Amino acid sequence: MRSAAPHTTSTGTHTELSWPSSEGSALAARRPGYRFGLIDAALAPAAGRLDPAGLTQLRRDLAVVVSADALFTLTDLCDLSRPEAVDSAVHTARALTEAAFREAEHARPPERAVS
């Protein structure tokens, strides 16, 4: 990713420069995570349908989609309008969520009939 920095837009360069190093960064520690509150609220009604590991992974997956960087990519590099970018992000979030629930249903052992 560092080799790509000279070829990126100012937004991409900013993202590159703010990427935390392996040792961590004070900037990353201060970066707000507002999206996690939104994601947690959206997933709360369905949390019982996923095991803790599945819920954690879905939360991480959605964090990629529910981000300014995702919207910047869609508007700046894919030439979408803001409403089109939001629609695309919603479509992606829905697809990730549906896939997570499908995987969880296939991973559960079949229920035995009680005689």
C-alpha atoms as a PDB file:
ATOM      1  CA  MET A   1       0.000   0.000   0.000  1.00  0.00           C
ATOM      2  CA  ARG A   2       2.854   2.403   0.704  1.00  0.00           C
ATOM      3  CA  SER A   3       4.098   2.120  -2.863  1.00  0.00           C
ATOM      4  CA  ALA A   4       0.658   3.203  -4.096  1.00  0.00           C
ATOM      5  CA  ALA A   5       0.609   6.463  -2.110  1.00  0.00           C
ATOM      6  CA  PRO A   6       2.150   8.675  -4.850  1.00  0.00           C
ATOM      7  CA  HIS A   7      -0.562   7.518  -7.287  1.00  0.00           C
ATOM      8  CA  THR A   8      -3.580   8.135  -5.050  1.00  0.00           C
ATOM      9  CA  THR A   9      -5.948  11.055  -4.662  1.00  0.00           C
ATOM     10  CA  SER A  10      -5.512  13.406  -1.738  1.00  0.00           C
ATOM     11  CA  THR A  11      -8.106  11.359   0.148  1.00  0.00           C
ATOM     12  CA  GLY A  12      -6.218   8.157  -0.578  1.00  0.00           C
ATOM     13  CA  THR A  13      -2.943   9.735   0.442  1.00  0.00           C
ATOM     14  CA  HIS A  14      -4.516  10.929   3.681  1.00  0.00           C
ATOM     15  CA  THR A  15      -5.741   7.396   4.327  1.00  0.00           C
ATOM     16  CA  GLU A  16      -2.265   6.037   3.629  1.00  0.00           C
ATOM     17  CA  LEU A  17      -0.625   8.531   5.960  1.00  0.00           C
ATOM     18  CA  SER A  18      -3.096   7.777   8.759  1.00  0.00           C
ATOM     19  CA  TRP A  19      -2.699   3.991   8.525  1.00  0.00           C
ATOM     20  CA  PRO A  20      -1.329   2.806  11.883  1.00  0.00           C
ATOM     21  CA  SER A  21       2.088   1.205  11.946  1.00  0.00           C
ATOM     22  CA  SER A  22       2.611  -2.249  13.415  1.00  0.00           C
ATOM     23  CA  GLU A  23       3.629  -0.535  16.662  1.00  0.00           C
ATOM     24  CA  GLY A  24       0.330   1.411  16.742  1.00  0.00           C
ATOM     25  CA  SER A  25      -0.186   5.118  16.517  1.00  0.00           C
ATOM     26  CA  ALA A  26      -1.527   7.868  18.718  1.00  0.00           C
ATOM     27  CA  LEU A  27      -3.593   9.105  15.776  1.00  0.00           C
ATOM     28  CA  ALA A  28      -5.298   5.728  15.396  1.00  0.00           C
ATOM     29  CA  ALA A  29      -6.030   5.617  19.117  1.00  0.00           C
ATOM     30  CA  ARG A  30      -7.876   8.972  18.830  1.00  0.00           C
ATOM     31  CA  ARG A  31      -9.769   8.109  15.636  1.00  0.00           C
ATOM     32  CA  PRO A  32     -13.482   7.974  16.538  1.00  0.00           C
ATOM     33  CA  GLY A  33     -15.392   4.782  15.877  1.00  0.00           C
ATOM     34  CA  TYR A  34     -18.897   6.195  15.501  1.00  0.00           C
ATOM     35  CA  ARG A  35     -19.775   3.537  12.965  1.00  0.00           C
ATOM     36  CA  PHE A  36     -19.575   0.788  15.585  1.00  0.00           C
ATOM     37  CA  GLY A  37     -22.503   2.241  17.521  1.00  0.00           C
ATOM     38  CA  LEU A  38     -24.559   2.314  14.343  1.00  0.00           C
ATOM     39  CA  ILE A  39     -23.527  -1.222  13.415  1.00  0.00           C
ATOM     40  CA  ASP A  40     -24.226  -2.567  16.916  1.00  0.00           C
ATOM     41  CA  ALA A  41     -27.681  -0.939  16.954  1.00  0.00           C
ATOM     42  CA  ALA A  42     -28.491  -2.412  13.539  1.00  0.00           C
ATOM     43  CA  LEU A  43     -27.349  -5.910  14.557  1.00  0.00           C
ATOM     44  CA  ALA A  44     -28.895  -5.944  18.056  1.00  0.00           C
ATOM     45  CA  PRO A  45     -32.268  -7.432  17.043  1.00  0.00           C
ATOM     46  CA  ALA A  46     -30.590 -10.327  15.234  1.00  0.00           C
ATOM     47  CA  ALA A  47     -27.630 -10.941  17.528  1.00  0.00           C
ATOM     48  CA  GLY A  48     -29.013 -14.253  18.806  1.00  0.00           C
ATOM     49  CA  ARG A  49     -28.927 -15.696  15.290  1.00  0.00           C
ATOM     50  CA  LEU A  50     -25.118 -15.610  15.150  1.00  0.00           C
ATOM     51  CA  ASP A  51     -22.542 -17.128  17.456  1.00  0.00           C
ATOM     52  CA  PRO A  52     -20.125 -14.627  19.077  1.00  0.00           C
ATOM     53  CA  ALA A  53     -17.387 -15.278  16.499  1.00  0.00           C
ATOM     54  CA  GLY A  54     -19.823 -14.836  13.606  1.00  0.00           C
ATOM     55  CA  LEU A  55     -21.187 -11.629  15.098  1.00  0.00           C
ATOM     56  CA  THR A  56     -17.672 -10.270  15.608  1.00  0.00           C
ATOM     57  CA  GLN A  57     -16.729 -11.067  12.004  1.00  0.00           C
ATOM     58  CA  LEU A  58     -19.903  -9.501  10.616  1.00  0.00           C
ATOM     59  CA  ARG A  59     -19.268  -6.379  12.713  1.00  0.00           C
ATOM     60  CA  ARG A  60     -15.762  -6.153  11.188  1.00  0.00           C
ATOM     61  CA  ASP A  61     -17.090  -6.753   7.680  1.00  0.00           C
ATOM     62  CA  LEU A  62     -19.679  -4.006   8.063  1.00  0.00           C
ATOM     63  CA  ALA A  63     -17.059  -1.608   9.457  1.00  0.00           C
ATOM     64  CA  VAL A  64     -15.355  -1.722   6.058  1.00  0.00           C
ATOM     65  CA  VAL A  65     -18.587  -0.783   4.289  1.00  0.00           C
ATOM     66  CA  VAL A  66     -19.875   1.790   6.789  1.00  0.00           C
ATOM     67  CA  SER A  67     -16.943   4.153   6.386  1.00  0.00           C
ATOM     68  CA  ALA A  68     -16.035   7.435   4.800  1.00  0.00           C
ATOM     69  CA  ASP A  69     -13.297   5.692   2.805  1.00  0.00           C
ATOM     70  CA  ALA A  70     -15.839   3.363   1.200  1.00  0.00           C
ATOM     71  CA  LEU A  71     -18.026   6.296   0.193  1.00  0.00           C
ATOM     72  CA  PHE A  72     -15.027   8.288  -1.084  1.00  0.00           C
ATOM     73  CA  THR A  73     -14.016   5.344  -3.250  1.00  0.00           C
ATOM     74  CA  LEU A  74     -17.512   5.030  -4.676  1.00  0.00           C
ATOM     75  CA  THR A  75     -17.863   8.751  -5.414  1.00  0.00           C
ATOM     76  CA  ASP A  76     -14.295   9.637  -6.413  1.00  0.00           C
ATOM     77  CA  LEU A  77     -13.128   6.504  -8.209  1.00  0.00           C
ATOM     78  CA  CYS A  78     -16.393   4.899  -9.341  1.00  0.00           C
ATOM     79  CA  ASP A  79     -17.979   8.234 -10.306  1.00  0.00           C
ATOM     80  CA  LEU A  80     -21.190   7.597  -8.355  1.00  0.00           C
ATOM     81  CA  SER A  81     -23.357  10.387  -7.012  1.00  0.00           C
ATOM     82  CA  ARG A  82     -23.684  10.528  -3.230  1.00  0.00           C
ATOM     83  CA  PRO A  83     -27.116   8.834  -3.254  1.00  0.00           C
ATOM     84  CA  GLU A  84     -25.796   6.136  -5.613  1.00  0.00           C
ATOM     85  CA  ALA A  85     -22.799   5.581  -3.318  1.00  0.00           C
ATOM     86  CA  VAL A  86     -25.064   5.196  -0.295  1.00  0.00           C
ATOM     87  CA  ASP A  87     -27.298   2.778  -2.232  1.00  0.00           C
ATOM     88  CA  SER A  88     -24.228   0.745  -3.201  1.00  0.00           C
ATOM     89  CA  ALA A  89     -22.944   0.648   0.395  1.00  0.00           C
ATOM     90  CA  VAL A  90     -26.384  -0.446   1.628  1.00  0.00           C
ATOM     91  CA  HIS A  91     -26.475  -3.167  -1.044  1.00  0.00           C
ATOM     92  CA  THR A  92     -23.034  -4.417   0.047  1.00  0.00           C
ATOM     93  CA  ALA A  93     -23.922  -4.323   3.754  1.00  0.00           C
ATOM     94  CA  ARG A  94     -27.138  -6.246   3.066  1.00  0.00           C
ATOM     95  CA  ALA A  95     -25.250  -8.876   1.035  1.00  0.00           C
ATOM     96  CA  LEU A  96     -22.646  -9.333   3.795  1.00  0.00           C
ATOM     97  CA  THR A  97     -25.344  -9.638   6.448  1.00  0.00           C
ATOM     98  CA  GLU A  98     -27.405 -12.142   4.457  1.00  0.00           C
ATOM     99  CA  ALA A  99     -24.288 -14.225   3.787  1.00  0.00           C
ATOM    100  CA  ALA A 100     -23.365 -14.250   7.487  1.00  0.00           C
ATOM    101  CA  PHE A 101     -26.842 -15.466   8.449  1.00  0.00           C
ATOM    102  CA  ARG A 102     -26.827 -18.123   5.707  1.00  0.00           C
ATOM    103  CA  GLU A 103     -23.439 -19.397   6.909  1.00  0.00           C
ATOM    104  CA  ALA A 104     -24.697 -19.504  10.501  1.00  0.00           C
ATOM    105  CA  GLU A 105     -27.763 -21.527   9.507  1.00  0.00           C
ATOM    106  CA  HIS A 106     -25.671 -24.048   7.570  1.00  0.00           C
ATOM    107  CA  ALA A 107     -23.200 -24.377  10.448  1.00  0.00           C
ATOM    108  CA  ARG A 108     -25.884 -25.246  13.019  1.00  0.00           C
ATOM    109  CA  PRO A 109     -26.511 -28.930  13.571  1.00  0.00           C
ATOM    110  CA  PRO A 110     -29.995 -30.039  12.544  1.00  0.00           C
ATOM    111  CA  GLU A 111     -32.501 -30.142  15.370  1.00  0.00           C
ATOM    112  CA  ARG A 112     -33.634 -33.584  16.393  1.00  0.00           C
ATOM    113  CA  ALA A 113     -37.284 -34.341  16.686  1.00  0.00           C
ATOM    114  CA  VAL A 114     -38.327 -35.106  20.237  1.00  0.00           C
ATOM    115  CA  SER A 115     -40.336 -38.330  20.521  1.00  0.00           C
END
